[in-house]
Structure formats: C-alpha cells, structure tokens
C-alpha cells in the first residue's frame, strides 16, 4: 500500500511515526516502511510505501508525531 503523510500545521512535525493498525487499534506486524520517523515541515507531504501480510484486510495507518496528536486514516 502507498500512503501520503502530510503536515497541515504551522510547526514542524517532529519524529512522525507510522503504524499499521487493525479495526481494534492493535498494531499489525510485521510491517516494512520505505521511510519512518519523519520530520515534516509545515505544508510538506511524503509518499510512503507500506508492506504487511496479505491476509490483513481491514487496516488503517496511524501517524503520530512527537509534538502532535495521532491521526488515523
């Protein structure tokens, strides 16, 4: 899967960490990311490739920066 992570705030989003979670909010493992623990400038966006087991269907990607609340999409 490919996800787009963007910083819509006015401050730098520091150490933004991605996690794949199931419908109950539990982490899906193993997962590989083309990039993780990102620093995003205001208005910056990045495309990240995410690979996880094919048998996981209903998953979401959670992004959490050190200085902001988590966002799930």
PDB file of N, CA and C in Angstrom:
ATOM      1  N   UNK A   1       0.855  -1.158   0.000  1.00  0.00           N
ATOM      2  CA  UNK A   1       0.000   0.000   0.000  1.00  0.00           C
ATOM      3  C   UNK A   1       0.901   1.221   0.000  1.00  0.00           C
ATOM      4  N   UNK A   2       0.415   2.292  -0.557  1.00  0.00           N
ATOM      5  CA  UNK A   2       1.147   3.560  -0.517  1.00  0.00           C
ATOM      6  C   UNK A   2       0.292   4.573   0.230  1.00  0.00           C
ATOM      7  N   UNK A   3       0.909   5.283   1.177  1.00  0.00           N
ATOM      8  CA  UNK A   3       0.198   6.286   1.955  1.00  0.00           C
ATOM      9  C   UNK A   3       0.880   7.628   1.785  1.00  0.00           C
ATOM     10  N   UNK A   4       0.093   8.678   1.897  1.00  0.00           N
ATOM     11  CA  UNK A   4       0.622  10.033   1.861  1.00  0.00           C
ATOM     12  C   UNK A   4       0.515  10.615   3.258  1.00  0.00           C
ATOM     13  N   UNK A   5       1.636  11.094   3.759  1.00  0.00           N
ATOM     14  CA  UNK A   5       1.687  11.727   5.076  1.00  0.00           C
ATOM     15  C   UNK A   5       1.944  13.202   4.836  1.00  0.00           C
ATOM     16  N   UNK A   6       1.141  14.057   5.472  1.00  0.00           N
ATOM     17  CA  UNK A   6       1.333  15.491   5.279  1.00  0.00           C
ATOM     18  C   UNK A   6       1.230  16.231   6.607  1.00  0.00           C
ATOM     19  N   UNK A   7       1.921  17.337   6.661  1.00  0.00           N
ATOM     20  CA  UNK A   7       1.871  18.216   7.833  1.00  0.00           C
ATOM     21  C   UNK A   7       1.007  19.407   7.467  1.00  0.00           C
ATOM     22  N   UNK A   8      -0.172  19.478   8.040  1.00  0.00           N
ATOM     23  CA  UNK A   8      -1.086  20.574   7.755  1.00  0.00           C
ATOM     24  C   UNK A   8      -1.010  21.681   8.795  1.00  0.00           C
ATOM     25  N   UNK A   9      -0.121  21.515   9.768  1.00  0.00           N
ATOM     26  CA  UNK A   9       0.026  22.516  10.823  1.00  0.00           C
ATOM     27  C   UNK A   9       1.008  23.615  10.451  1.00  0.00           C
ATOM     28  N   UNK A  10       1.290  24.476  11.421  1.00  0.00           N
ATOM     29  CA  UNK A  10       2.215  25.590  11.198  1.00  0.00           C
ATOM     30  C   UNK A  10       3.584  25.353  11.825  1.00  0.00           C
ATOM     31  N   UNK A  11       3.735  24.235  12.529  1.00  0.00           N
ATOM     32  CA  UNK A  11       5.013  23.895  13.153  1.00  0.00           C
ATOM     33  C   UNK A  11       5.573  22.628  12.508  1.00  0.00           C
ATOM     34  N   UNK A  12       6.854  22.401  12.687  1.00  0.00           N
ATOM     35  CA  UNK A  12       7.485  21.181  12.200  1.00  0.00           C
ATOM     36  C   UNK A  12       6.885  19.992  12.957  1.00  0.00           C
ATOM     37  N   UNK A  13       6.505  18.946  12.234  1.00  0.00           N
ATOM     38  CA  UNK A  13       6.030  17.702  12.856  1.00  0.00           C
ATOM     39  C   UNK A  13       7.262  16.832  13.080  1.00  0.00           C
ATOM     40  N   UNK A  14       7.679  16.739  14.337  1.00  0.00           N
ATOM     41  CA  UNK A  14       8.935  16.050  14.626  1.00  0.00           C
ATOM     42  C   UNK A  14       8.715  14.578  14.948  1.00  0.00           C
ATOM     43  N   UNK A  15       9.603  13.752  14.407  1.00  0.00           N
ATOM     44  CA  UNK A  15       9.616  12.309  14.659  1.00  0.00           C
ATOM     45  C   UNK A  15       8.246  11.675  14.416  1.00  0.00           C
ATOM     46  N   UNK A  16       7.659  11.934  13.271  1.00  0.00           N
ATOM     47  CA  UNK A  16       6.367  11.360  12.909  1.00  0.00           C
ATOM     48  C   UNK A  16       6.548   9.869  12.641  1.00  0.00           C
ATOM     49  N   UNK A  17       5.848   9.060  13.419  1.00  0.00           N
ATOM     50  CA  UNK A  17       5.982   7.611  13.346  1.00  0.00           C
ATOM     51  C   UNK A  17       4.714   7.004  12.768  1.00  0.00           C
ATOM     52  N   UNK A  18       4.867   6.104  11.817  1.00  0.00           N
ATOM     53  CA  UNK A  18       3.737   5.418  11.213  1.00  0.00           C
ATOM     54  C   UNK A  18       3.569   4.038  11.837  1.00  0.00           C
ATOM     55  N   UNK A  19       2.315   3.596  11.981  1.00  0.00           N
ATOM     56  CA  UNK A  19       1.988   2.251  12.460  1.00  0.00           C
ATOM     57  C   UNK A  19       0.768   1.768  11.701  1.00  0.00           C
ATOM     58  N   UNK A  20       0.762   0.504  11.331  1.00  0.00           N
ATOM     59  CA  UNK A  20      -0.417  -0.108  10.725  1.00  0.00           C
ATOM     60  C   UNK A  20      -1.203  -0.760  11.858  1.00  0.00           C
ATOM     61  N   UNK A  21      -2.504  -0.452  11.931  1.00  0.00           N
ATOM     62  CA  UNK A  21      -3.358  -0.992  12.990  1.00  0.00           C
ATOM     63  C   UNK A  21      -4.589  -1.654  12.381  1.00  0.00           C
ATOM     64  N   UNK A  22      -5.139  -2.630  13.122  1.00  0.00           N
ATOM     65  CA  UNK A  22      -6.362  -3.289  12.667  1.00  0.00           C
ATOM     66  C   UNK A  22      -7.584  -2.512  13.159  1.00  0.00           C
ATOM     67  N   UNK A  23      -8.770  -3.053  12.939  1.00  0.00           N
ATOM     68  CA  UNK A  23     -10.007  -2.343  13.297  1.00  0.00           C
ATOM     69  C   UNK A  23     -10.151  -2.123  14.800  1.00  0.00           C
ATOM     70  N   UNK A  24      -9.436  -2.923  15.618  1.00  0.00           N
ATOM     71  CA  UNK A  24      -9.484  -2.762  17.066  1.00  0.00           C
ATOM     72  C   UNK A  24      -8.366  -1.862  17.593  1.00  0.00           C
ATOM     73  N   UNK A  25      -7.550  -1.327  16.684  1.00  0.00           N
ATOM     74  CA  UNK A  25      -6.470  -0.437  17.087  1.00  0.00           C
ATOM     75  C   UNK A  25      -5.183  -1.143  17.462  1.00  0.00           C
ATOM     76  N   UNK A  26      -5.120  -2.463  17.247  1.00  0.00           N
ATOM     77  CA  UNK A  26      -3.910  -3.229  17.557  1.00  0.00           C
ATOM     78  C   UNK A  26      -2.945  -3.165  16.386  1.00  0.00           C
ATOM     79  N   UNK A  27      -1.662  -3.061  16.699  1.00  0.00           N
ATOM     80  CA  UNK A  27      -0.646  -2.997  15.651  1.00  0.00           C
ATOM     81  C   UNK A  27      -0.592  -4.282  14.847  1.00  0.00           C
ATOM     82  N   UNK A  28      -0.426  -4.134  13.541  1.00  0.00           N
ATOM     83  CA  UNK A  28      -0.221  -5.260  12.641  1.00  0.00           C
ATOM     84  C   UNK A  28       1.282  -5.417  12.476  1.00  0.00           C
ATOM     85  N   UNK A  29       1.778  -6.634  12.648  1.00  0.00           N
ATOM     86  CA  UNK A  29       3.202  -6.917  12.491  1.00  0.00           C
ATOM     87  C   UNK A  29       3.360  -8.213  11.717  1.00  0.00           C
ATOM     88  N   UNK A  30       4.388  -8.400  10.950  1.00  0.00           N
ATOM     89  CA  UNK A  30       5.454  -7.460  10.645  1.00  0.00           C
ATOM     90  C   UNK A  30       5.035  -6.474   9.558  1.00  0.00           C
ATOM     91  N   UNK A  31       5.622  -5.313   9.586  1.00  0.00           N
ATOM     92  CA  UNK A  31       5.376  -4.268   8.600  1.00  0.00           C
ATOM     93  C   UNK A  31       6.716  -3.658   8.211  1.00  0.00           C
ATOM     94  N   UNK A  32       6.876  -3.360   6.933  1.00  0.00           N
ATOM     95  CA  UNK A  32       8.057  -2.611   6.491  1.00  0.00           C
ATOM     96  C   UNK A  32       7.583  -1.302   5.869  1.00  0.00           C
ATOM     97  N   UNK A  33       8.358  -0.256   6.095  1.00  0.00           N
ATOM     98  CA  UNK A  33       8.054   1.093   5.598  1.00  0.00           C
ATOM     99  C   UNK A  33       9.227   1.578   4.766  1.00  0.00           C
ATOM    100  N   UNK A  34       8.957   2.284   3.681  1.00  0.00           N
ATOM    101  CA  UNK A  34      10.052   2.851   2.892  1.00  0.00           C
ATOM    102  C   UNK A  34      10.721   4.002   3.636  1.00  0.00           C
ATOM    103  N   UNK A  35      10.022   4.574   4.625  1.00  0.00           N
ATOM    104  CA  UNK A  35      10.559   5.634   5.471  1.00  0.00           C
ATOM    105  C   UNK A  35       9.682   5.690   6.716  1.00  0.00           C
ATOM    106  N   UNK A  36      10.252   6.093   7.834  1.00  0.00           N
ATOM    107  CA  UNK A  36       9.501   6.211   9.068  1.00  0.00           C
ATOM    108  C   UNK A  36      10.259   7.150   9.988  1.00  0.00           C
ATOM    109  N   UNK A  37       9.646   7.577  11.067  1.00  0.00           N
ATOM    110  CA  UNK A  37      10.207   8.583  11.979  1.00  0.00           C
ATOM    111  C   UNK A  37      10.626   9.819  11.175  1.00  0.00           C
ATOM    112  N   UNK A  38       9.635  10.430  10.552  1.00  0.00           N
ATOM    113  CA  UNK A  38       9.840  11.544   9.634  1.00  0.00           C
ATOM    114  C   UNK A  38       9.822  12.894  10.344  1.00  0.00           C
ATOM    115  N   UNK A  39      10.549  13.817   9.804  1.00  0.00           N
ATOM    116  CA  UNK A  39      10.437  15.226  10.180  1.00  0.00           C
ATOM    117  C   UNK A  39       9.753  15.906   8.999  1.00  0.00           C
ATOM    118  N   UNK A  40       8.590  16.531   9.237  1.00  0.00           N
ATOM    119  CA  UNK A  40       7.840  17.168   8.160  1.00  0.00           C
ATOM    120  C   UNK A  40       7.712  18.666   8.430  1.00  0.00           C
ATOM    121  N   UNK A  41       8.136  19.444   7.475  1.00  0.00           N
ATOM    122  CA  UNK A  41       7.969  20.893   7.570  1.00  0.00           C
ATOM    123  C   UNK A  41       6.507  21.258   7.351  1.00  0.00           C
ATOM    124  N   UNK A  42       6.067  22.438   7.793  1.00  0.00           N
ATOM    125  CA  UNK A  42       4.687  22.856   7.543  1.00  0.00           C
ATOM    126  C   UNK A  42       4.371  22.796   6.042  1.00  0.00           C
ATOM    127  N   UNK A  43       3.279  22.130   5.690  1.00  0.00           N
ATOM    128  CA  UNK A  43       2.865  22.001   4.297  1.00  0.00           C
ATOM    129  C   UNK A  43       3.554  20.880   3.532  1.00  0.00           C
ATOM    130  N   UNK A  44       4.533  20.225   4.110  1.00  0.00           N
ATOM    131  CA  UNK A  44       5.260  19.156   3.419  1.00  0.00           C
ATOM    132  C   UNK A  44       4.446  17.866   3.412  1.00  0.00           C
ATOM    133  N   UNK A  45       4.594  17.087   2.346  1.00  0.00           N
ATOM    134  CA  UNK A  45       3.950  15.777   2.252  1.00  0.00           C
ATOM    135  C   UNK A  45       4.942  14.776   1.688  1.00  0.00           C
ATOM    136  N   UNK A  46       4.758  13.522   2.079  1.00  0.00           N
ATOM    137  CA  UNK A  46       5.626  12.446   1.599  1.00  0.00           C
ATOM    138  C   UNK A  46       4.803  11.217   1.276  1.00  0.00           C
ATOM    139  N   UNK A  47       5.235  10.492   0.254  1.00  0.00           N
ATOM    140  CA  UNK A  47       4.632   9.217  -0.128  1.00  0.00           C
ATOM    141  C   UNK A  47       5.464   8.104   0.510  1.00  0.00           C
ATOM    142  N   UNK A  48       4.808   7.211   1.248  1.00  0.00           N
ATOM    143  CA  UNK A  48       5.485   6.127   1.939  1.00  0.00           C
ATOM    144  C   UNK A  48       4.901   4.795   1.462  1.00  0.00           C
ATOM    145  N   UNK A  49       5.779   3.853   1.088  1.00  0.00           N
ATOM    146  CA  UNK A  49       5.345   2.507   0.731  1.00  0.00           C
ATOM    147  C   UNK A  49       5.303   1.666   2.003  1.00  0.00           C
ATOM    148  N   UNK A  50       4.186   0.966   2.212  1.00  0.00           N
ATOM    149  CA  UNK A  50       3.977   0.162   3.408  1.00  0.00           C
ATOM    150  C   UNK A  50       3.650  -1.265   2.956  1.00  0.00           C
ATOM    151  N   UNK A  51       4.373  -2.236   3.504  1.00  0.00           N
ATOM    152  CA  UNK A  51       4.160  -3.641   3.155  1.00  0.00           C
ATOM    153  C   UNK A  51       3.862  -4.417   4.432  1.00  0.00           C
ATOM    154  N   UNK A  52       2.814  -5.248   4.386  1.00  0.00           N
ATOM    155  CA  UNK A  52       2.414  -6.048   5.545  1.00  0.00           C
ATOM    156  C   UNK A  52       1.769  -7.329   5.033  1.00  0.00           C
ATOM    157  N   UNK A  53       1.500  -8.316   5.900  1.00  0.00           N
ATOM    158  CA  UNK A  53       0.923  -9.591   5.450  1.00  0.00           C
ATOM    159  C   UNK A  53      -0.365  -9.401   4.646  1.00  0.00           C
ATOM    160  N   UNK A  54      -0.492 -10.150   3.586  1.00  0.00           N
ATOM    161  CA  UNK A  54      -1.635 -10.009   2.677  1.00  0.00           C
ATOM    162  C   UNK A  54      -2.950 -10.403   3.322  1.00  0.00           C
ATOM    163  N   UNK A  55      -2.934 -11.213   4.376  1.00  0.00           N
ATOM    164  CA  UNK A  55      -4.188 -11.663   4.976  1.00  0.00           C
ATOM    165  C   UNK A  55      -4.850 -10.596   5.846  1.00  0.00           C
ATOM    166  N   UNK A  56      -4.205  -9.470   6.043  1.00  0.00           N
ATOM    167  CA  UNK A  56      -4.784  -8.379   6.829  1.00  0.00           C
ATOM    168  C   UNK A  56      -5.562  -7.474   5.873  1.00  0.00           C
ATOM    169  N   UNK A  57      -6.868  -7.421   6.013  1.00  0.00           N
ATOM    170  CA  UNK A  57      -7.706  -6.668   5.081  1.00  0.00           C
ATOM    171  C   UNK A  57      -8.117  -5.299   5.613  1.00  0.00           C
ATOM    172  N   UNK A  58      -8.727  -5.269   6.765  1.00  0.00           N
ATOM    173  CA  UNK A  58      -9.257  -4.009   7.305  1.00  0.00           C
ATOM    174  C   UNK A  58      -8.203  -3.361   8.201  1.00  0.00           C
ATOM    175  N   UNK A  59      -7.287  -2.649   7.576  1.00  0.00           N
ATOM    176  CA  UNK A  59      -6.230  -1.983   8.330  1.00  0.00           C
ATOM    177  C   UNK A  59      -6.271  -0.483   8.069  1.00  0.00           C
ATOM    178  N   UNK A  60      -5.660   0.253   8.990  1.00  0.00           N
ATOM    179  CA  UNK A  60      -5.524   1.695   8.848  1.00  0.00           C
ATOM    180  C   UNK A  60      -4.093   2.044   9.206  1.00  0.00           C
ATOM    181  N   UNK A  61      -3.662   3.200   8.763  1.00  0.00           N
ATOM    182  CA  UNK A  61      -2.323   3.673   9.106  1.00  0.00           C
ATOM    183  C   UNK A  61      -2.474   4.828  10.090  1.00  0.00           C
ATOM    184  N   UNK A  62      -1.757   4.714  11.201  1.00  0.00           N
ATOM    185  CA  UNK A  62      -1.774   5.751  12.234  1.00  0.00           C
ATOM    186  C   UNK A  62      -0.453   6.511  12.147  1.00  0.00           C
ATOM    187  N   UNK A  63      -0.533   7.830  12.169  1.00  0.00           N
ATOM    188  CA  UNK A  63       0.658   8.688  12.179  1.00  0.00           C
ATOM    189  C   UNK A  63       0.641   9.481  13.475  1.00  0.00           C
ATOM    190  N   UNK A  64       1.758   9.455  14.190  1.00  0.00           N
ATOM    191  CA  UNK A  64       1.858  10.161  15.463  1.00  0.00           C
ATOM    192  C   UNK A  64       3.192  10.882  15.505  1.00  0.00           C
ATOM    193  N   UNK A  65       3.138  12.199  15.615  1.00  0.00           N
ATOM    194  CA  UNK A  65       4.347  12.999  15.762  1.00  0.00           C
ATOM    195  C   UNK A  65       4.596  13.251  17.240  1.00  0.00           C
ATOM    196  N   UNK A  66       5.835  13.468  17.597  1.00  0.00           N
ATOM    197  CA  UNK A  66       6.199  13.728  18.982  1.00  0.00           C
ATOM    198  C   UNK A  66       5.435  14.918  19.541  1.00  0.00           C
ATOM    199  N   UNK A  67       5.197  15.920  18.710  1.00  0.00           N
ATOM    200  CA  UNK A  67       4.585  17.163  19.180  1.00  0.00           C
ATOM    201  C   UNK A  67       3.160  17.373  18.676  1.00  0.00           C
ATOM    202  N   UNK A  68       2.447  16.291  18.350  1.00  0.00           N
ATOM    203  CA  UNK A  68       1.045  16.441  17.909  1.00  0.00           C
ATOM    204  C   UNK A  68       0.278  15.161  18.209  1.00  0.00           C
ATOM    205  N   UNK A  69      -1.041  15.229  18.233  1.00  0.00           N
ATOM    206  CA  UNK A  69      -1.850  14.028  18.473  1.00  0.00           C
ATOM    207  C   UNK A  69      -1.817  13.085  17.274  1.00  0.00           C
ATOM    208  N   UNK A  70      -2.192  11.841  17.513  1.00  0.00           N
ATOM    209  CA  UNK A  70      -2.198  10.826  16.449  1.00  0.00           C
ATOM    210  C   UNK A  70      -3.338  11.102  15.464  1.00  0.00           C
ATOM    211  N   UNK A  71      -3.095  10.742  14.212  1.00  0.00           N
ATOM    212  CA  UNK A  71      -4.112  10.820  13.172  1.00  0.00           C
ATOM    213  C   UNK A  71      -4.196   9.428  12.535  1.00  0.00           C
ATOM    214  N   UNK A  72      -5.412   8.942  12.312  1.00  0.00           N
ATOM    215  CA  UNK A  72      -5.612   7.633  11.710  1.00  0.00           C
ATOM    216  C   UNK A  72      -6.371   7.809  10.410  1.00  0.00           C
ATOM    217  N   UNK A  73      -5.883   7.153   9.384  1.00  0.00           N
ATOM    218  CA  UNK A  73      -6.553   7.270   8.089  1.00  0.00           C
ATOM    219  C   UNK A  73      -6.425   6.037   7.273  1.00  0.00           C
TER     220      UNK A  73
END
